[in-house]
Amino acid sequence: MERANAITDVRGIEVGQAQDEEALTGCTVIICRKGAVAGVDVRGGAPGTRETDLLDPVNLVEKVHAIVLAGGSAFGLDAATGVMRYLEEKKIGFNTGVAKVPIVPSAILFDLNLGRADVRPDSAMGYHAAALASSDAPAEGNTGVGMGASVGKMFGLGLGMKAGVGTAGMNIGGGVVVGALVAVNAWGDVVNPQTNQIIAGLRSGNVGPLYVGKKTILQTRFP
C-alpha cells in the first residue's frame, strides 16, 4: 500500500473537509465507519468540546465513529449534528436497541475575529464535510478547520500570522501505522523543538498585509 504521509495512511480512516472561504471558517471530519477506540486530553483556558466525557474508559461506549474539528468557537459544535445525521443515514452508530446513535466527539477553535463572526460551521457544513470523506490524503493549510486558524496573536491579530490544518503518517514497523491530523490556532508562536527556530507567529510592525490567495485577511498598521 502506497503511503501518503497522512492520517489516512491508517486503514479505515477517512477525512472530509468543508469551509466558507469568504467567512474564513470551516470544519474537518475524521470518520471510522467501523468504530475506533478513542481517548482525550482536554487542555486550555477556554476549551470547547462535545461528547468528550464519554471517552472516559469507565463509561459504557467503547468506540467512536467520527471526530469533528471546527472553527466558529462554541457555535461550531453544531457541525457534529450534521455528521451524526450523515452517519445515521449510513446506519452507522452505537446500537441502543431502538436506534443506532453515532458517537461523534468534537472540539472547536476560536476564529470569529478573523473573517465573519456571524457565519460559523453548522450542521449543514458538517454534513457536507462528512459526505466528502474519503481515504485520500486530505488537503492541508487553509482548508477545513484550518481555514480560520492563526498564530502569534499576543499583541493583537493585526500582527498575527495565518496557520492551518496539517496531517502526517508513519509506518513504525510491525504492521503498525501512526497518523495525525492537527489544527494549529495558538496564541503564541510555533517553534521547532529541535532548533528553537520560530516557524510561524508574531510578526514585526513593519510588515505588510497578510494574504490568503488574493484576499487580505490581516492588515498591519504602519507607524
N, C-alpha and C. Protein backbone atom coordinates (compact mmCIF):
# COMPACT_ATOMS: atom_id res chain seq x y z
N MET A 1 0.83 -1.20 0.00
CA MET A 1 0.00 0.00 0.00
C MET A 1 0.87 1.25 0.00
N GLU A 2 0.63 2.14 -0.94
CA GLU A 2 1.41 3.37 -1.03
C GLU A 2 1.00 4.34 0.07
N ARG A 3 2.00 4.91 0.76
CA ARG A 3 1.75 5.84 1.85
C ARG A 3 1.70 7.26 1.33
N ALA A 4 0.82 8.07 1.93
CA ALA A 4 0.65 9.46 1.51
C ALA A 4 1.13 10.45 2.57
N ASN A 5 1.75 9.93 3.65
CA ASN A 5 2.18 10.78 4.76
C ASN A 5 1.00 11.58 5.30
N ALA A 6 -0.07 10.86 5.61
CA ALA A 6 -1.31 11.49 6.09
C ALA A 6 -2.00 10.55 7.07
N ILE A 7 -2.94 11.08 7.82
CA ILE A 7 -3.68 10.26 8.77
C ILE A 7 -4.45 9.15 8.07
N THR A 8 -4.77 9.35 6.80
CA THR A 8 -5.49 8.33 6.04
C THR A 8 -4.60 7.15 5.67
N ASP A 9 -3.32 7.20 6.02
CA ASP A 9 -2.47 6.02 5.88
C ASP A 9 -2.94 4.91 6.81
N VAL A 10 -3.63 5.29 7.88
CA VAL A 10 -4.19 4.31 8.81
C VAL A 10 -5.45 3.70 8.18
N ARG A 11 -5.44 2.41 8.02
CA ARG A 11 -6.56 1.74 7.34
C ARG A 11 -7.88 1.99 8.07
N GLY A 12 -8.90 2.36 7.31
CA GLY A 12 -10.22 2.58 7.88
C GLY A 12 -10.52 4.03 8.23
N ILE A 13 -9.51 4.88 8.13
CA ILE A 13 -9.70 6.29 8.45
C ILE A 13 -10.00 7.08 7.17
N GLU A 14 -11.05 7.90 7.24
CA GLU A 14 -11.41 8.80 6.14
C GLU A 14 -11.49 10.22 6.67
N VAL A 15 -11.21 11.18 5.81
CA VAL A 15 -11.27 12.59 6.20
C VAL A 15 -12.08 13.37 5.17
N GLY A 16 -12.96 14.23 5.66
CA GLY A 16 -13.71 15.14 4.80
C GLY A 16 -13.62 16.55 5.36
N GLN A 17 -13.57 17.54 4.47
CA GLN A 17 -13.44 18.92 4.91
C GLN A 17 -14.36 19.83 4.12
N ALA A 18 -14.86 20.85 4.81
CA ALA A 18 -15.70 21.86 4.16
C ALA A 18 -15.36 23.20 4.79
N GLN A 19 -15.51 24.27 4.03
CA GLN A 19 -15.16 25.58 4.53
C GLN A 19 -15.93 26.67 3.79
N ASP A 20 -15.98 27.84 4.42
CA ASP A 20 -16.52 29.04 3.80
C ASP A 20 -15.36 29.99 3.60
N GLU A 21 -14.95 30.18 2.36
CA GLU A 21 -13.74 30.95 2.07
C GLU A 21 -13.95 32.44 2.23
N GLU A 22 -15.18 32.90 2.24
CA GLU A 22 -15.46 34.32 2.47
C GLU A 22 -15.50 34.62 3.98
N ALA A 23 -16.13 33.74 4.73
CA ALA A 23 -16.23 33.94 6.18
C ALA A 23 -14.98 33.47 6.91
N LEU A 24 -14.10 32.74 6.22
CA LEU A 24 -12.84 32.24 6.78
C LEU A 24 -13.08 31.34 7.99
N THR A 25 -13.85 30.28 7.77
CA THR A 25 -14.08 29.29 8.80
C THR A 25 -14.42 27.97 8.13
N GLY A 26 -14.34 26.88 8.89
CA GLY A 26 -14.65 25.59 8.29
C GLY A 26 -14.56 24.47 9.31
N CYS A 27 -14.72 23.23 8.82
CA CYS A 27 -14.64 22.07 9.71
C CYS A 27 -13.99 20.90 9.00
N THR A 28 -13.41 20.03 9.81
CA THR A 28 -12.75 18.82 9.33
C THR A 28 -13.33 17.64 10.07
N VAL A 29 -13.68 16.58 9.35
CA VAL A 29 -14.31 15.40 9.94
C VAL A 29 -13.43 14.18 9.69
N ILE A 30 -13.10 13.47 10.76
CA ILE A 30 -12.36 12.21 10.66
C ILE A 30 -13.33 11.09 10.95
N ILE A 31 -13.53 10.19 10.00
CA ILE A 31 -14.53 9.13 10.13
C ILE A 31 -13.87 7.76 10.18
N CYS A 32 -14.36 6.92 11.08
CA CYS A 32 -14.01 5.50 11.11
C CYS A 32 -15.33 4.73 11.13
N ARG A 33 -15.76 4.26 9.99
CA ARG A 33 -17.10 3.70 9.85
C ARG A 33 -17.33 2.46 10.72
N LYS A 34 -16.27 1.71 11.01
CA LYS A 34 -16.41 0.52 11.84
C LYS A 34 -16.21 0.83 13.32
N GLY A 35 -15.91 2.09 13.63
CA GLY A 35 -15.69 2.47 15.02
C GLY A 35 -14.23 2.32 15.42
N ALA A 36 -13.80 3.14 16.35
CA ALA A 36 -12.42 3.09 16.84
C ALA A 36 -12.38 3.54 18.29
N VAL A 37 -11.49 2.93 19.06
CA VAL A 37 -11.30 3.34 20.45
C VAL A 37 -10.65 4.72 20.46
N ALA A 38 -11.13 5.61 21.31
CA ALA A 38 -10.62 6.98 21.35
C ALA A 38 -10.35 7.40 22.79
N GLY A 39 -9.46 8.36 22.93
CA GLY A 39 -9.17 8.96 24.23
C GLY A 39 -9.07 10.46 24.05
N VAL A 40 -9.00 11.20 25.15
CA VAL A 40 -8.97 12.65 25.05
C VAL A 40 -8.16 13.24 26.19
N ASP A 41 -7.52 14.36 25.93
CA ASP A 41 -6.83 15.15 26.95
C ASP A 41 -7.20 16.60 26.69
N VAL A 42 -8.17 17.12 27.41
CA VAL A 42 -8.67 18.48 27.18
C VAL A 42 -7.82 19.47 27.97
N ARG A 43 -7.24 20.44 27.26
CA ARG A 43 -6.41 21.45 27.90
C ARG A 43 -6.86 22.84 27.46
N GLY A 44 -6.21 23.86 27.99
CA GLY A 44 -6.50 25.22 27.59
C GLY A 44 -7.41 25.92 28.58
N GLY A 45 -7.38 27.25 28.52
CA GLY A 45 -8.15 28.05 29.45
C GLY A 45 -9.62 28.18 29.10
N ALA A 46 -9.97 27.92 27.84
CA ALA A 46 -11.36 28.04 27.42
C ALA A 46 -11.68 26.97 26.38
N PRO A 47 -11.62 25.68 26.77
CA PRO A 47 -11.87 24.62 25.81
C PRO A 47 -13.34 24.55 25.41
N GLY A 48 -13.57 24.18 24.17
CA GLY A 48 -14.93 23.97 23.67
C GLY A 48 -15.03 22.58 23.09
N THR A 49 -15.78 21.69 23.73
CA THR A 49 -15.85 20.30 23.31
C THR A 49 -17.28 19.77 23.40
N ARG A 50 -17.48 18.64 22.77
CA ARG A 50 -18.78 17.95 22.80
C ARG A 50 -18.53 16.45 22.88
N GLU A 51 -19.20 15.79 23.78
CA GLU A 51 -19.15 14.34 23.96
C GLU A 51 -17.76 13.79 24.27
N THR A 52 -16.91 14.60 24.91
CA THR A 52 -15.60 14.08 25.30
C THR A 52 -15.67 13.31 26.62
N ASP A 53 -16.68 13.58 27.46
CA ASP A 53 -16.80 12.86 28.74
C ASP A 53 -17.00 11.36 28.53
N LEU A 54 -17.66 11.00 27.43
CA LEU A 54 -17.93 9.57 27.22
C LEU A 54 -16.66 8.80 26.87
N LEU A 55 -15.55 9.51 26.61
CA LEU A 55 -14.30 8.83 26.28
C LEU A 55 -13.58 8.33 27.53
N ASP A 56 -14.09 8.66 28.70
CA ASP A 56 -13.54 8.10 29.94
C ASP A 56 -13.68 6.58 29.88
N PRO A 57 -12.60 5.83 30.12
CA PRO A 57 -12.66 4.36 29.97
C PRO A 57 -13.65 3.67 30.90
N VAL A 58 -14.13 4.34 31.94
CA VAL A 58 -15.10 3.70 32.84
C VAL A 58 -16.52 3.78 32.30
N ASN A 59 -16.72 4.55 31.23
CA ASN A 59 -18.06 4.74 30.68
C ASN A 59 -18.42 3.64 29.69
N LEU A 60 -19.70 3.58 29.32
CA LEU A 60 -20.25 2.47 28.55
C LEU A 60 -19.72 2.37 27.12
N VAL A 61 -19.73 3.48 26.40
CA VAL A 61 -19.40 3.46 24.98
C VAL A 61 -17.90 3.22 24.78
N GLU A 62 -17.57 2.25 23.94
CA GLU A 62 -16.17 1.87 23.76
C GLU A 62 -15.55 2.41 22.49
N LYS A 63 -16.37 2.82 21.52
CA LYS A 63 -15.83 3.26 20.24
C LYS A 63 -16.54 4.52 19.75
N VAL A 64 -15.80 5.31 18.98
CA VAL A 64 -16.39 6.48 18.32
C VAL A 64 -16.44 6.20 16.82
N HIS A 65 -17.30 6.94 16.12
CA HIS A 65 -17.46 6.73 14.67
C HIS A 65 -16.95 7.92 13.86
N ALA A 66 -16.74 9.04 14.54
CA ALA A 66 -16.18 10.21 13.86
C ALA A 66 -15.69 11.19 14.92
N ILE A 67 -14.79 12.06 14.51
CA ILE A 67 -14.34 13.18 15.33
C ILE A 67 -14.43 14.43 14.47
N VAL A 68 -14.94 15.49 15.05
CA VAL A 68 -15.10 16.75 14.32
C VAL A 68 -14.21 17.82 14.94
N LEU A 69 -13.46 18.50 14.10
CA LEU A 69 -12.71 19.70 14.48
C LEU A 69 -13.30 20.85 13.68
N ALA A 70 -13.69 21.92 14.37
CA ALA A 70 -14.39 23.01 13.67
C ALA A 70 -13.95 24.37 14.18
N GLY A 71 -14.10 25.37 13.33
CA GLY A 71 -13.95 26.75 13.74
C GLY A 71 -15.27 27.24 14.30
N GLY A 72 -15.39 28.55 14.49
CA GLY A 72 -16.66 29.11 14.91
C GLY A 72 -16.88 29.19 16.40
N SER A 73 -15.84 28.94 17.18
CA SER A 73 -15.98 28.93 18.64
C SER A 73 -17.09 27.94 19.03
N ALA A 74 -17.79 28.17 20.14
CA ALA A 74 -18.78 27.21 20.62
C ALA A 74 -19.90 26.97 19.61
N PHE A 75 -20.17 27.96 18.74
CA PHE A 75 -21.19 27.77 17.70
C PHE A 75 -20.82 26.60 16.79
N GLY A 76 -19.52 26.41 16.56
CA GLY A 76 -19.06 25.39 15.62
C GLY A 76 -19.33 23.97 16.04
N LEU A 77 -19.67 23.77 17.31
CA LEU A 77 -20.00 22.43 17.76
C LEU A 77 -21.23 21.87 17.05
N ASP A 78 -22.03 22.77 16.47
CA ASP A 78 -23.22 22.33 15.73
C ASP A 78 -22.86 21.48 14.52
N ALA A 79 -21.63 21.59 14.02
CA ALA A 79 -21.21 20.80 12.86
C ALA A 79 -21.35 19.31 13.13
N ALA A 80 -21.16 18.91 14.39
CA ALA A 80 -21.25 17.49 14.73
C ALA A 80 -22.66 16.94 14.51
N THR A 81 -23.67 17.78 14.63
CA THR A 81 -25.04 17.34 14.40
C THR A 81 -25.22 16.87 12.97
N GLY A 82 -24.63 17.59 12.03
CA GLY A 82 -24.71 17.18 10.63
C GLY A 82 -23.95 15.89 10.37
N VAL A 83 -22.82 15.70 11.03
CA VAL A 83 -22.06 14.46 10.88
C VAL A 83 -22.86 13.29 11.43
N MET A 84 -23.52 13.50 12.57
CA MET A 84 -24.37 12.44 13.12
C MET A 84 -25.50 12.07 12.15
N ARG A 85 -26.09 13.08 11.54
CA ARG A 85 -27.17 12.83 10.59
C ARG A 85 -26.67 12.01 9.40
N TYR A 86 -25.49 12.35 8.91
CA TYR A 86 -24.91 11.61 7.79
C TYR A 86 -24.65 10.15 8.18
N LEU A 87 -24.04 9.93 9.34
CA LEU A 87 -23.74 8.57 9.77
C LEU A 87 -25.00 7.77 10.05
N GLU A 88 -26.02 8.41 10.60
CA GLU A 88 -27.28 7.72 10.84
C GLU A 88 -27.89 7.23 9.53
N GLU A 89 -27.81 8.07 8.50
CA GLU A 89 -28.32 7.66 7.19
C GLU A 89 -27.57 6.44 6.66
N LYS A 90 -26.30 6.32 7.04
CA LYS A 90 -25.49 5.18 6.60
C LYS A 90 -25.60 3.99 7.57
N LYS A 91 -26.50 4.13 8.57
CA LYS A 91 -26.74 3.09 9.56
C LYS A 91 -25.47 2.77 10.37
N ILE A 92 -24.74 3.83 10.71
CA ILE A 92 -23.52 3.71 11.50
C ILE A 92 -23.76 4.34 12.86
N GLY A 93 -23.44 3.60 13.93
CA GLY A 93 -23.61 4.16 15.26
C GLY A 93 -23.63 3.10 16.34
N PHE A 94 -23.71 3.54 17.58
CA PHE A 94 -23.82 2.65 18.73
C PHE A 94 -25.23 2.11 18.80
N ASN A 95 -25.34 0.79 18.84
CA ASN A 95 -26.66 0.16 18.80
C ASN A 95 -27.29 0.19 20.19
N THR A 96 -28.34 1.01 20.35
CA THR A 96 -29.04 1.12 21.62
C THR A 96 -30.20 0.14 21.73
N GLY A 97 -30.45 -0.58 20.64
CA GLY A 97 -31.59 -1.49 20.63
C GLY A 97 -32.79 -0.91 19.91
N VAL A 98 -32.95 0.41 20.01
CA VAL A 98 -34.07 1.07 19.31
C VAL A 98 -33.57 1.98 18.20
N ALA A 99 -32.30 2.32 18.24
CA ALA A 99 -31.71 3.16 17.19
C ALA A 99 -30.19 3.08 17.29
N LYS A 100 -29.54 3.33 16.16
CA LYS A 100 -28.08 3.43 16.16
C LYS A 100 -27.70 4.90 16.33
N VAL A 101 -26.96 5.18 17.39
CA VAL A 101 -26.58 6.55 17.71
C VAL A 101 -25.10 6.76 17.36
N PRO A 102 -24.80 7.54 16.34
CA PRO A 102 -23.40 7.81 16.00
C PRO A 102 -22.70 8.55 17.14
N ILE A 103 -21.50 8.11 17.49
CA ILE A 103 -20.72 8.74 18.55
C ILE A 103 -19.70 9.65 17.89
N VAL A 104 -19.86 10.97 18.11
CA VAL A 104 -19.06 11.96 17.37
C VAL A 104 -18.52 13.03 18.34
N PRO A 105 -17.45 12.74 19.06
CA PRO A 105 -16.82 13.78 19.88
C PRO A 105 -16.29 14.91 19.01
N SER A 106 -16.30 16.12 19.56
CA SER A 106 -15.93 17.29 18.76
C SER A 106 -15.15 18.30 19.59
N ALA A 107 -14.38 19.12 18.90
CA ALA A 107 -13.67 20.23 19.54
C ALA A 107 -13.63 21.39 18.57
N ILE A 108 -13.56 22.61 19.12
CA ILE A 108 -13.60 23.80 18.27
C ILE A 108 -12.40 24.70 18.54
N LEU A 109 -12.16 25.62 17.61
CA LEU A 109 -11.18 26.67 17.81
C LEU A 109 -11.84 28.02 17.57
N PHE A 110 -11.25 29.07 18.12
CA PHE A 110 -11.83 30.41 18.00
C PHE A 110 -11.27 31.11 16.77
N ASP A 111 -12.14 31.45 15.82
CA ASP A 111 -11.73 32.16 14.61
C ASP A 111 -12.72 33.28 14.25
N LEU A 112 -13.59 33.64 15.20
CA LEU A 112 -14.63 34.61 14.91
C LEU A 112 -14.08 35.99 14.58
N ASN A 113 -12.86 36.29 15.04
CA ASN A 113 -12.28 37.61 14.81
C ASN A 113 -11.47 37.70 13.53
N LEU A 114 -11.46 36.64 12.74
CA LEU A 114 -10.65 36.64 11.52
C LEU A 114 -11.47 36.97 10.29
N GLY A 115 -12.60 36.33 10.12
CA GLY A 115 -13.47 36.57 8.98
C GLY A 115 -14.77 37.22 9.42
N ARG A 116 -15.88 36.52 9.21
CA ARG A 116 -17.20 37.00 9.64
C ARG A 116 -17.61 36.27 10.91
N ALA A 117 -17.90 37.04 11.95
CA ALA A 117 -18.29 36.43 13.22
C ALA A 117 -19.69 35.85 13.19
N ASP A 118 -20.52 36.27 12.21
CA ASP A 118 -21.90 35.78 12.15
C ASP A 118 -22.08 34.57 11.25
N VAL A 119 -20.99 34.05 10.70
CA VAL A 119 -21.05 32.84 9.87
C VAL A 119 -20.12 31.81 10.50
N ARG A 120 -20.70 30.68 10.91
CA ARG A 120 -19.92 29.65 11.59
C ARG A 120 -20.22 28.27 11.00
N PRO A 121 -19.35 27.29 11.21
CA PRO A 121 -19.68 25.93 10.81
C PRO A 121 -20.98 25.49 11.49
N ASP A 122 -21.88 24.93 10.70
CA ASP A 122 -23.16 24.49 11.24
C ASP A 122 -23.43 23.05 10.82
N SER A 123 -24.64 22.59 11.11
CA SER A 123 -25.00 21.22 10.79
C SER A 123 -24.86 20.92 9.30
N ALA A 124 -25.26 21.87 8.46
CA ALA A 124 -25.18 21.66 7.01
C ALA A 124 -23.73 21.50 6.56
N MET A 125 -22.83 22.32 7.12
CA MET A 125 -21.42 22.21 6.75
C MET A 125 -20.83 20.89 7.24
N GLY A 126 -21.22 20.47 8.45
CA GLY A 126 -20.73 19.20 8.97
C GLY A 126 -21.19 18.03 8.12
N TYR A 127 -22.45 18.06 7.70
CA TYR A 127 -22.97 17.00 6.83
C TYR A 127 -22.20 16.97 5.51
N HIS A 128 -21.96 18.16 4.94
CA HIS A 128 -21.23 18.24 3.67
C HIS A 128 -19.82 17.69 3.81
N ALA A 129 -19.14 18.04 4.90
CA ALA A 129 -17.78 17.54 5.11
C ALA A 129 -17.78 16.02 5.24
N ALA A 130 -18.75 15.47 5.96
CA ALA A 130 -18.84 14.02 6.13
C ALA A 130 -19.10 13.32 4.80
N ALA A 131 -19.95 13.93 3.98
CA ALA A 131 -20.27 13.34 2.68
C ALA A 131 -19.06 13.33 1.75
N LEU A 132 -18.10 14.23 1.99
CA LEU A 132 -16.90 14.31 1.16
C LEU A 132 -15.77 13.41 1.68
N ALA A 133 -15.98 12.76 2.81
CA ALA A 133 -14.91 11.98 3.43
C ALA A 133 -14.44 10.86 2.53
N SER A 134 -13.11 10.70 2.48
CA SER A 134 -12.52 9.63 1.68
C SER A 134 -11.19 9.23 2.31
N SER A 135 -10.61 8.16 1.80
CA SER A 135 -9.33 7.68 2.29
C SER A 135 -8.15 8.35 1.58
N ASP A 136 -8.44 9.30 0.68
CA ASP A 136 -7.36 10.06 0.03
C ASP A 136 -6.70 10.97 1.05
N ALA A 137 -5.46 11.34 0.78
CA ALA A 137 -4.77 12.27 1.67
C ALA A 137 -5.51 13.60 1.68
N PRO A 138 -5.87 14.12 2.86
CA PRO A 138 -6.63 15.37 2.91
C PRO A 138 -5.77 16.57 2.57
N ALA A 139 -6.40 17.62 2.07
CA ALA A 139 -5.70 18.88 1.80
C ALA A 139 -5.24 19.48 3.13
N GLU A 140 -4.16 20.25 3.07
CA GLU A 140 -3.61 20.88 4.25
C GLU A 140 -3.57 22.39 4.09
N GLY A 141 -3.39 23.09 5.21
CA GLY A 141 -3.28 24.55 5.17
C GLY A 141 -4.62 25.21 5.41
N ASN A 142 -4.97 26.17 4.56
CA ASN A 142 -6.21 26.94 4.72
C ASN A 142 -7.38 26.18 4.12
N THR A 143 -7.78 25.13 4.82
CA THR A 143 -8.90 24.31 4.39
C THR A 143 -9.53 23.70 5.62
N GLY A 144 -10.80 23.36 5.54
CA GLY A 144 -11.47 22.76 6.68
C GLY A 144 -11.35 23.60 7.94
N VAL A 145 -11.07 22.95 9.06
CA VAL A 145 -10.92 23.66 10.32
C VAL A 145 -9.76 24.65 10.28
N GLY A 146 -8.81 24.44 9.39
CA GLY A 146 -7.66 25.34 9.29
C GLY A 146 -7.94 26.64 8.57
N MET A 147 -9.14 26.78 8.02
CA MET A 147 -9.47 27.98 7.25
C MET A 147 -9.34 29.25 8.07
N GLY A 148 -9.70 29.18 9.35
CA GLY A 148 -9.65 30.39 10.19
C GLY A 148 -8.59 30.35 11.26
N ALA A 149 -7.69 29.39 11.19
CA ALA A 149 -6.67 29.25 12.23
C ALA A 149 -5.58 30.31 12.07
N SER A 150 -5.03 30.77 13.20
CA SER A 150 -3.96 31.77 13.17
C SER A 150 -3.08 31.60 14.40
N VAL A 151 -1.89 32.20 14.36
CA VAL A 151 -0.93 32.10 15.46
C VAL A 151 -0.27 33.47 15.68
N GLY A 152 0.46 33.60 16.78
CA GLY A 152 1.19 34.84 17.04
C GLY A 152 0.31 36.03 17.34
N LYS A 153 -0.66 35.86 18.25
CA LYS A 153 -1.67 36.90 18.48
C LYS A 153 -1.50 37.64 19.81
N MET A 154 -0.31 37.57 20.39
CA MET A 154 -0.11 38.15 21.71
C MET A 154 -0.28 39.67 21.73
N PHE A 155 0.00 40.33 20.60
CA PHE A 155 -0.16 41.78 20.51
C PHE A 155 -1.27 42.16 19.55
N GLY A 156 -2.25 41.29 19.41
CA GLY A 156 -3.38 41.56 18.53
C GLY A 156 -3.28 40.81 17.22
N LEU A 157 -4.43 40.58 16.63
CA LEU A 157 -4.48 39.80 15.39
C LEU A 157 -3.77 40.49 14.24
N GLY A 158 -3.66 41.83 14.31
CA GLY A 158 -3.02 42.56 13.23
C GLY A 158 -1.56 42.21 13.03
N LEU A 159 -0.92 41.65 14.05
CA LEU A 159 0.48 41.23 13.92
C LEU A 159 0.60 39.70 13.95
N GLY A 160 -0.52 39.03 13.80
CA GLY A 160 -0.51 37.58 13.79
C GLY A 160 -0.15 37.02 12.42
N MET A 161 -0.24 35.71 12.32
CA MET A 161 0.10 35.03 11.07
C MET A 161 -0.90 33.89 10.84
N LYS A 162 -1.22 33.64 9.60
CA LYS A 162 -2.16 32.58 9.27
C LYS A 162 -1.56 31.22 9.57
N ALA A 163 -2.36 30.34 10.14
CA ALA A 163 -1.95 28.96 10.39
C ALA A 163 -2.80 28.03 9.53
N GLY A 164 -3.18 26.86 10.04
CA GLY A 164 -3.99 25.97 9.23
C GLY A 164 -4.08 24.59 9.83
N VAL A 165 -4.40 23.61 8.98
CA VAL A 165 -4.52 22.22 9.40
C VAL A 165 -3.44 21.42 8.66
N GLY A 166 -2.87 20.44 9.36
CA GLY A 166 -1.83 19.61 8.76
C GLY A 166 -2.01 18.16 9.15
N THR A 167 -1.39 17.27 8.41
CA THR A 167 -1.52 15.84 8.67
C THR A 167 -0.21 15.14 8.34
N ALA A 168 -0.01 13.97 8.94
CA ALA A 168 1.18 13.16 8.68
C ALA A 168 0.87 11.71 9.00
N GLY A 169 1.65 10.81 8.45
CA GLY A 169 1.51 9.39 8.72
C GLY A 169 2.85 8.70 8.68
N MET A 170 3.01 7.63 9.46
CA MET A 170 4.29 6.94 9.52
C MET A 170 4.08 5.46 9.82
N ASN A 171 4.79 4.62 9.08
CA ASN A 171 4.82 3.19 9.36
C ASN A 171 5.98 2.95 10.31
N ILE A 172 5.66 2.55 11.56
CA ILE A 172 6.73 2.39 12.55
C ILE A 172 7.19 0.95 12.66
N GLY A 173 6.74 0.11 11.76
CA GLY A 173 7.18 -1.27 11.72
C GLY A 173 6.20 -2.22 12.38
N GLY A 174 6.33 -3.49 12.03
CA GLY A 174 5.46 -4.50 12.62
C GLY A 174 4.02 -4.36 12.20
N GLY A 175 3.78 -3.72 11.08
CA GLY A 175 2.42 -3.52 10.60
C GLY A 175 1.67 -2.42 11.31
N VAL A 176 2.37 -1.61 12.12
CA VAL A 176 1.73 -0.53 12.86
C VAL A 176 1.92 0.80 12.12
N VAL A 177 0.82 1.47 11.83
CA VAL A 177 0.86 2.77 11.16
C VAL A 177 0.27 3.82 12.10
N VAL A 178 1.00 4.92 12.27
CA VAL A 178 0.55 6.01 13.12
C VAL A 178 0.22 7.21 12.25
N GLY A 179 -0.93 7.83 12.49
CA GLY A 179 -1.32 9.01 11.72
C GLY A 179 -1.75 10.13 12.65
N ALA A 180 -1.66 11.35 12.16
CA ALA A 180 -2.05 12.51 12.96
C ALA A 180 -2.68 13.56 12.06
N LEU A 181 -3.60 14.32 12.64
CA LEU A 181 -4.18 15.48 11.97
C LEU A 181 -4.35 16.57 13.03
N VAL A 182 -3.80 17.75 12.76
CA VAL A 182 -3.75 18.80 13.77
C VAL A 182 -4.16 20.14 13.16
N ALA A 183 -4.97 20.89 13.91
CA ALA A 183 -5.27 22.28 13.57
C ALA A 183 -4.57 23.16 14.58
N VAL A 184 -3.75 24.10 14.10
CA VAL A 184 -2.96 24.95 14.99
C VAL A 184 -3.59 26.34 15.06
N ASN A 185 -3.99 26.73 16.27
CA ASN A 185 -4.62 28.03 16.48
C ASN A 185 -4.05 28.62 17.78
N ALA A 186 -2.73 28.77 17.81
CA ALA A 186 -2.03 29.13 19.04
C ALA A 186 -2.03 30.63 19.30
N TRP A 187 -2.04 30.98 20.58
CA TRP A 187 -1.91 32.38 20.99
C TRP A 187 -0.49 32.87 20.74
N GLY A 188 0.48 31.99 20.93
CA GLY A 188 1.88 32.36 20.77
C GLY A 188 2.46 31.88 19.45
N ASP A 189 3.78 31.64 19.45
CA ASP A 189 4.50 31.26 18.24
C ASP A 189 4.57 29.74 18.10
N VAL A 190 4.86 29.30 16.89
CA VAL A 190 5.13 27.89 16.62
C VAL A 190 6.65 27.75 16.50
N VAL A 191 7.24 26.91 17.35
CA VAL A 191 8.69 26.80 17.45
C VAL A 191 9.14 25.38 17.13
N ASN A 192 10.20 25.26 16.33
CA ASN A 192 10.80 23.96 16.06
C ASN A 192 11.50 23.48 17.32
N PRO A 193 11.05 22.37 17.94
CA PRO A 193 11.63 21.95 19.22
C PRO A 193 13.08 21.50 19.12
N GLN A 194 13.53 21.17 17.91
CA GLN A 194 14.91 20.71 17.74
C GLN A 194 15.90 21.86 17.55
N THR A 195 15.44 22.93 16.93
CA THR A 195 16.34 24.06 16.64
C THR A 195 15.99 25.33 17.40
N ASN A 196 14.81 25.34 18.06
CA ASN A 196 14.29 26.54 18.74
C ASN A 196 14.00 27.68 17.76
N GLN A 197 13.95 27.38 16.49
CA GLN A 197 13.65 28.39 15.48
C GLN A 197 12.14 28.60 15.39
N ILE A 198 11.73 29.88 15.34
CA ILE A 198 10.31 30.20 15.19
C ILE A 198 9.89 29.93 13.75
N ILE A 199 8.93 29.06 13.58
CA ILE A 199 8.45 28.69 12.25
C ILE A 199 7.37 29.66 11.79
N ALA A 200 6.48 30.03 12.72
CA ALA A 200 5.40 30.97 12.42
C ALA A 200 4.98 31.64 13.71
N GLY A 201 4.45 32.86 13.60
CA GLY A 201 3.98 33.54 14.81
C GLY A 201 3.94 35.04 14.67
N LEU A 202 4.24 35.71 15.77
CA LEU A 202 4.16 37.17 15.85
C LEU A 202 5.06 37.83 14.82
N ARG A 203 4.48 38.76 14.07
CA ARG A 203 5.25 39.49 13.05
C ARG A 203 5.65 40.86 13.58
N SER A 204 6.71 41.43 13.01
CA SER A 204 7.15 42.76 13.41
C SER A 204 6.20 43.81 12.84
N GLY A 205 6.27 45.04 13.36
CA GLY A 205 5.31 46.07 12.98
C GLY A 205 5.55 46.70 11.63
N ASN A 206 6.62 46.33 10.93
CA ASN A 206 6.91 46.97 9.65
C ASN A 206 6.64 46.04 8.46
N VAL A 207 5.74 45.08 8.69
CA VAL A 207 5.39 44.17 7.60
C VAL A 207 4.07 44.59 6.98
N GLY A 208 3.82 44.09 5.80
CA GLY A 208 2.61 44.47 5.08
C GLY A 208 1.45 43.53 5.34
N PRO A 209 0.43 43.58 4.49
CA PRO A 209 -0.77 42.75 4.67
C PRO A 209 -0.45 41.27 4.55
N LEU A 210 -1.23 40.45 5.21
CA LEU A 210 -1.12 39.02 5.10
C LEU A 210 -2.27 38.53 4.23
N TYR A 211 -1.97 37.65 3.27
CA TYR A 211 -2.97 37.25 2.29
C TYR A 211 -3.28 35.76 2.37
N VAL A 212 -4.52 35.41 2.05
CA VAL A 212 -4.90 34.05 1.72
C VAL A 212 -5.39 34.11 0.28
N GLY A 213 -4.57 33.59 -0.63
CA GLY A 213 -4.89 33.76 -2.04
C GLY A 213 -4.84 35.25 -2.39
N LYS A 214 -5.93 35.79 -2.92
CA LYS A 214 -5.99 37.20 -3.28
C LYS A 214 -6.70 38.03 -2.23
N LYS A 215 -7.04 37.41 -1.10
CA LYS A 215 -7.84 38.09 -0.09
C LYS A 215 -6.96 38.57 1.05
N THR A 216 -7.02 39.87 1.37
CA THR A 216 -6.30 40.40 2.51
C THR A 216 -7.07 40.04 3.77
N ILE A 217 -6.40 39.36 4.72
CA ILE A 217 -7.12 38.97 5.93
C ILE A 217 -6.58 39.64 7.18
N LEU A 218 -5.31 40.02 7.18
CA LEU A 218 -4.75 40.72 8.33
C LEU A 218 -3.98 41.93 7.79
N GLN A 219 -4.33 43.10 8.23
CA GLN A 219 -3.67 44.31 7.75
C GLN A 219 -2.90 44.96 8.89
N THR A 220 -1.60 45.06 8.73
CA THR A 220 -0.77 45.71 9.73
C THR A 220 -0.85 47.22 9.60
N ARG A 221 -0.95 47.92 10.71
CA ARG A 221 -0.88 49.37 10.69
C ARG A 221 0.57 49.82 10.71
N PHE A 222 0.93 50.59 9.73
CA PHE A 222 2.29 51.10 9.68
C PHE A 222 2.42 52.35 10.56
N PRO A 223 3.56 52.55 11.20
CA PRO A 223 3.75 53.74 12.05
C PRO A 223 3.77 55.01 11.22
